[in-house]
Each structure stands twice: as structure tokens, then as C-alpha cells.
Protein backbone atom coordinates (compact mmCIF):
# COMPACT_ATOMS: atom_id res chain seq x y z
CA MET A 1 103.80 -120.73 97.68
CA LYS A 2 107.59 -120.39 96.41
CA LEU A 3 107.14 -116.41 95.74
CA MET A 4 105.76 -116.23 99.38
CA PHE A 5 108.38 -118.28 100.98
CA ILE A 6 111.05 -115.77 99.19
CA GLU A 7 108.96 -112.89 100.80
CA PHE A 8 109.02 -113.79 104.48
CA PHE A 9 112.54 -114.92 104.16
CA ILE A 10 113.64 -111.45 103.40
CA VAL A 11 111.16 -109.56 105.30
CA ILE A 12 112.86 -111.71 108.33
CA SER A 13 116.31 -111.42 107.21
CA PHE A 14 115.04 -107.80 107.33
CA ILE A 15 113.81 -107.47 110.78
CA PHE A 16 116.81 -109.87 112.03
CA LEU A 17 119.08 -106.87 110.19
CA LEU A 18 117.72 -104.38 112.79
CA PHE A 19 117.69 -106.54 115.99
CA ILE A 20 121.75 -106.97 115.31
CA VAL A 21 122.33 -103.16 114.26
CA PHE A 22 120.30 -102.59 117.77
CA ILE A 23 122.62 -104.90 120.12
CA ILE A 24 125.63 -103.26 118.25
CA ARG A 25 124.93 -100.31 118.90
CA LYS A 26 124.56 -100.69 122.44
CA ARG A 27 127.51 -101.96 122.15
CA LEU A 28 129.65 -99.45 120.17
CA ILE A 29 127.94 -96.66 122.55
CA LYS A 30 128.55 -98.54 125.69
CA LYS A 31 132.55 -98.79 124.72
CA VAL A 32 132.36 -94.95 124.01
CA MET A 33 131.31 -94.99 127.41
CA PHE A 34 133.98 -96.09 128.79
CA LEU A 35 136.78 -94.75 126.78
CA GLU A 36 137.36 -97.90 125.25
CA ILE A 37 138.26 -96.17 122.01
CA ASP A 38 141.33 -95.59 119.61
CA GLU A 39 144.04 -93.78 120.21
CA ASP A 40 143.64 -92.07 117.76
CA LEU A 41 140.46 -91.39 118.45
CA LYS A 42 140.89 -89.60 121.26
CA ASN A 43 144.19 -88.08 119.86
CA LEU A 44 141.52 -85.77 117.29
CA ALA A 45 140.29 -81.90 117.86
CA PRO A 46 137.27 -81.90 120.26
CA GLU A 47 135.07 -80.91 117.64
CA GLU A 48 136.14 -83.75 114.78
CA PHE A 49 136.12 -86.07 118.31
CA PHE A 50 132.47 -85.52 119.17
CA LEU A 51 131.77 -85.58 115.25
CA ASN A 52 132.79 -89.10 115.21
CA ILE A 53 131.40 -90.21 118.79
CA LEU A 54 128.39 -88.93 118.01
CA LYS A 55 127.69 -89.52 113.64
CA ARG A 56 129.24 -92.39 114.16
CA GLU A 57 129.95 -92.67 110.09
CA LYS A 58 131.46 -96.11 109.65
CA PHE A 59 129.15 -98.10 111.51
CA THR A 60 126.40 -95.92 109.76
CA LYS A 61 127.90 -96.83 106.11
CA THR A 62 127.48 -100.88 107.30
CA VAL A 63 124.47 -100.20 108.27
CA ASN A 64 123.04 -98.64 105.33
CA TYR A 65 125.43 -101.08 102.81
CA ALA A 66 123.64 -103.87 104.27
CA GLY A 67 120.14 -102.47 104.40
CA PHE A 68 120.76 -101.38 100.54
CA PHE A 69 121.60 -105.13 99.57
CA LEU A 70 118.73 -106.44 101.54
CA PHE A 71 116.10 -103.54 99.93
CA LEU A 72 117.76 -105.04 96.13
CA LEU A 73 116.95 -108.41 97.05
CA PHE A 74 113.70 -107.77 98.13
CA THR A 75 113.20 -106.13 94.66
CA VAL A 76 114.44 -108.15 92.62
CA PHE A 77 112.96 -111.26 93.72
CA ILE A 78 109.77 -110.12 94.59
CA ILE A 79 108.09 -107.14 93.05
CA PHE A 80 109.76 -108.38 88.86
CA PRO A 81 108.41 -112.01 89.62
CA VAL A 82 105.29 -110.43 90.54
CA TYR A 83 105.21 -107.67 87.67
CA LYS A 84 106.07 -110.60 85.81
CA GLU A 85 103.29 -113.24 86.48
CA TYR A 86 100.20 -110.85 86.72
CA LYS A 87 101.18 -108.64 83.77
CA ASP A 88 98.72 -110.73 81.58
CA TYR A 89 95.97 -110.53 83.61
CA SER A 90 92.92 -108.52 82.81
CA ALA A 91 91.32 -108.63 86.06
CA PHE A 92 93.17 -107.22 88.96
CA SER A 93 94.18 -110.31 91.76
CA ILE A 94 94.56 -109.48 95.09
CA THR A 95 97.60 -112.33 95.58
CA PRO A 96 99.92 -109.10 94.42
CA VAL A 97 99.02 -106.56 96.77
CA ILE A 98 100.92 -108.23 99.78
CA PRO A 99 104.39 -108.40 98.25
CA VAL A 100 103.84 -105.13 96.60
CA PHE A 101 102.51 -103.48 99.81
CA THR A 102 105.88 -105.21 101.59
CA TRP A 103 107.98 -103.65 99.60
CA PHE A 104 106.43 -100.18 99.69
CA VAL A 105 106.81 -100.04 104.10
CA ILE A 106 110.36 -101.32 103.33
CA SER A 107 110.86 -98.75 100.95
CA SER A 108 109.00 -95.78 103.40
CA LEU A 109 111.45 -97.60 106.69
CA PHE A 110 114.47 -97.14 104.70
CA LEU A 111 113.52 -93.45 103.25
CA LEU A 112 112.56 -92.44 106.65
CA ALA A 113 115.41 -93.40 108.61
CA PHE A 114 117.74 -92.00 105.72
CA ILE A 115 115.73 -88.33 106.17
CA SER A 116 115.94 -88.91 109.91
CA LYS A 117 120.00 -89.04 110.26
CA LYS A 118 120.33 -86.50 108.04
CA ARG A 119 118.56 -84.47 110.68
CA GLU A 120 120.08 -85.72 113.83
CA ASP A 121 123.46 -85.39 111.69
CA LYS A 122 122.53 -81.65 111.25
CA ARG A 123 121.77 -81.17 114.55
CA ILE A 124 124.40 -82.66 116.16
CA SER A 125 126.78 -80.28 114.13
CA GLU A 126 124.23 -77.27 115.25
CA MET A 127 125.57 -78.44 118.31
CA LEU A 128 128.79 -78.41 118.17
CA ASP A 129 128.93 -75.00 116.67
CA ASN A 130 126.72 -73.84 120.08
CA LEU A 131 129.39 -75.33 122.46
CA GLU A 132 132.27 -74.21 120.52
CA LYS A 133 131.06 -70.92 119.89
CA PHE A 134 130.56 -70.24 123.71
CA GLU A 135 133.98 -72.26 124.54
CA LEU A 136 132.81 -74.79 126.04
CA LEU A 137 133.90 -77.90 123.05
CA LYS A 138 137.28 -78.23 124.39
CA CYS A 139 136.23 -78.09 128.36
CA ALA A 140 133.81 -81.04 126.78
CA LYS A 141 136.29 -82.86 126.02
CA VAL A 142 138.29 -82.92 128.83
CA ASP A 143 135.34 -84.04 130.92
CA PHE A 144 134.48 -86.54 128.71
CA MET A 145 137.80 -88.34 128.77
CA ILE A 146 137.19 -88.26 132.87
CA GLN A 147 135.77 -91.59 134.23
CA ASN A 148 132.47 -90.04 135.14
CA LYS A 149 129.11 -91.92 136.54
CA ILE A 150 127.16 -93.67 133.99
CA VAL A 151 124.14 -94.86 134.48
CA GLU A 152 122.86 -98.15 132.06
CA THR A 153 119.68 -97.62 131.49
CA GLY A 154 119.23 -101.40 130.33
CA LEU A 155 118.61 -102.73 126.52
CA LEU A 156 115.78 -100.45 125.49
CA GLY A 157 117.76 -97.23 127.22
CA ASN A 158 120.17 -94.97 126.50
CA ASP A 159 123.31 -94.56 128.56
CA ILE A 160 124.29 -91.77 129.94
CA LYS A 161 127.03 -90.66 131.46
CA PHE A 162 127.45 -87.27 133.78
CA GLY A 163 130.39 -85.66 133.39
CA SER A 164 131.39 -82.88 136.36
CA LYS A 165 130.32 -80.33 133.99
CA PHE A 166 128.64 -81.72 131.31
CA LEU A 167 125.73 -84.40 130.28
CA PHE A 168 126.44 -86.72 128.00
CA VAL A 169 124.15 -88.98 125.65
CA ILE A 170 125.35 -91.22 122.84
CA TYR A 171 122.10 -92.09 121.19
CA PRO A 172 121.08 -88.96 120.51
CA GLY A 173 123.77 -87.48 120.41
CA TYR A 174 123.43 -84.59 122.85
CA ILE A 175 126.18 -82.57 124.88
CA ILE A 176 124.21 -80.60 127.63
CA PRO A 177 125.95 -77.82 129.83
CA TYR A 178 124.98 -78.31 133.57
CA TYR A 179 124.66 -74.48 133.95
CA TRP A 180 122.44 -74.34 130.67
CA LEU A 181 119.84 -76.65 132.90
CA ASP A 182 116.06 -74.71 133.91
CA ASP A 183 114.60 -77.58 134.47
CA VAL A 184 113.62 -80.88 134.25
CA LYS A 185 110.53 -82.70 133.93
CA ILE A 186 109.25 -86.19 133.22
CA VAL A 187 106.18 -87.60 131.33
CA GLU A 188 104.73 -90.05 130.56
CA ASN A 189 104.49 -91.17 127.07
CA PRO A 190 100.59 -93.47 126.68
CA GLY A 191 101.45 -96.18 123.85
CA ARG A 192 98.93 -98.73 122.36
CA TYR A 193 97.62 -101.90 124.23
CA GLY A 194 97.71 -99.88 127.22
CA SER A 195 101.82 -99.60 127.18
CA LYS A 196 103.50 -96.94 128.78
CA SER A 197 107.33 -95.14 127.77
CA TYR A 198 108.73 -92.46 130.02
CA TYR A 199 110.89 -89.56 128.71
CA VAL A 200 113.00 -86.78 130.46
CA ASN A 201 111.74 -83.36 129.22
CA VAL A 202 115.47 -81.23 129.75
CA ILE A 203 114.53 -77.53 129.48
CA LEU A 204 117.34 -75.36 128.75
CA LYS A 205 117.63 -71.66 129.39
CA ALA A 206 116.66 -68.95 126.08
CA PRO A 207 117.38 -69.41 123.71
CA PHE A 208 118.35 -73.36 123.48
CA LYS A 209 115.09 -75.78 122.87
CA PRO A 210 113.97 -77.98 125.35
CA ILE A 211 115.34 -81.57 124.63
CA ASN A 212 113.44 -84.95 124.97
CA ILE A 213 115.38 -88.69 126.42
CA THR A 214 113.16 -91.44 125.73
CA PHE A 215 113.27 -94.26 128.02
CA ALA A 216 111.41 -97.29 129.22
CA LYS A 217 111.25 -97.13 132.18
CA LYS A 218 109.35 -94.39 135.27
CA GLU A 219 112.12 -95.39 137.62
CA ILE A 220 115.34 -94.64 135.49
CA CYS A 221 113.59 -91.34 134.62
CA GLU A 222 113.25 -90.20 138.38
CA LYS A 223 117.31 -91.24 138.92
CA ILE A 224 117.91 -89.38 135.44
CA ARG A 225 116.39 -86.26 136.75
CA GLU A 226 117.32 -86.19 140.35
CA LEU A 227 121.48 -86.55 139.47
CA LEU A 228 120.23 -83.53 136.44
CA LEU A 229 118.37 -81.25 139.52
CA LYS A 230 121.95 -82.08 141.92
CA LYS A 231 124.04 -81.35 139.23
CA LYS A 232 122.54 -78.24 137.80
CA TYR A 233 122.34 -76.31 141.87
CA LYS A 234 125.77 -77.56 142.56
CA SER A 235 126.66 -75.73 139.15
CA GLN A 236 124.80 -72.86 139.49
CA LYS A 237 126.38 -72.23 143.20
CA ILE A 238 129.79 -72.44 141.58
CA ASP A 239 129.20 -69.70 139.50
CA LYS A 240 128.00 -67.29 142.34
CA ILE A 241 131.13 -68.08 143.61
CA TYR A 242 133.48 -67.48 140.35
CA LYS A 243 131.18 -63.92 140.13
CA LYS A 244 131.72 -62.82 143.32
């Protein structure tokens, strides 16, 4: 009984940590969108500026430390006592399966989050390298520092910032020049028990891969799509004028 209570407490703490992380992340994204950031950060070179904003290293390290501490607690107070209590049993008991399975699930989640973060960091670095290659990174920073249109998508969404020349998404991290746009579509993603989510499928010109940005509501997707297409056609007109 005591073991089950400890397990329940640690699992609830883990869920609470996830909730707090989500709320803090949303708040940090909003502060970045509205340029409520340190002057030292504003004065960084374009690549370092966007790396700090998009990778959120300080925030991520704090979350990792807290998560790892909970993981150690779970291991010490659940797995070791289970092993000690049942090591002398010759017949297998179903009782230790529950805490061991919970430990395995939480361990898998931590590992998956770590791998996903590494992949995301690599993708962001490659994206910034591409922008630098096309000499767009400096222009992107100037555009980001202007108080442009921001579309707030609610607690469950990714706030979008429409610059004059670029689309900015802080989480997941994307910087998209409008003249790279080829098409924008809305895709419905059916979930369990009749639930649905939607994402904006942003199709870029070759050789760039399409980008999917998920939202909770279809109305938000439609609004994003409409604004993106307007920005696309405007950038095409400006491009044609410069080519004449």
C-alpha cells in the first residue's frame, strides 16, 4: 500500500511537471513574440539570436534537470523496493508489474523527448544554415524585431508571427521566407474517440521539404492559410517588380 502511494505521488508529480513546462513554454513564446527579451539577446548576431530563441537552451536544461531528478526518485523509491520485496519469491507475482511498467513508460518518454530534442536542434541549425546560405538571416532578424502581426492560437496552439517578409513560428522553430511558398493546405488529422486536430501543410518550392504546423482548431488553420497565401502573392508581386 505504501509502495503504491509513493508510485502514485511520483506519477502525479511527473504529470504536474509536464503541465508546468507547457504553461511556462507558452509564456516564454509570447514574451519572445512581443519582443520582451533582454537587450543582450537583441544585440547578438542573427544566427546566435535565433539559436537562443528557437532552441531555448536555458529553459530546456532546467526542465531536463527537474525531469531527471523525478526519474531518480522514481527509480530509488519504486524499482529498488520492488526488487527487494520480491527477490525471494520463487513464483512470479503480478503486483510488481505495475510499478515496473510505469517506470518503463516514464523512461521511454524521457528517452523519446531527448531524441526528439536532438533532432529538432539539428533541424533548426540546418534551417539557419540554409537562410545564411541565401543571405536571408540578417534580413530575418530585422523583420522579427519589428512589431508585426501576431496570431494567437490559444493555450494548445503555436502562436504565429507574420513579418513583412518572413513567417516566424517559435515552437516548433521555423523561419519561412514568403517567396519560398508554393502552396498552403489544411489537413485533418483524426484522433481517437472521434477527436480531431488540424495542421497547415506549408508546401515550399524545391528543394525544400513541406512543413506541417499543428493547431487545435480548423478556424485557426483557415486564418493562417489565408494570411500566408496573401503574403505569398504580395511577395510574388514585389519580386516581379524588382525583376523588371
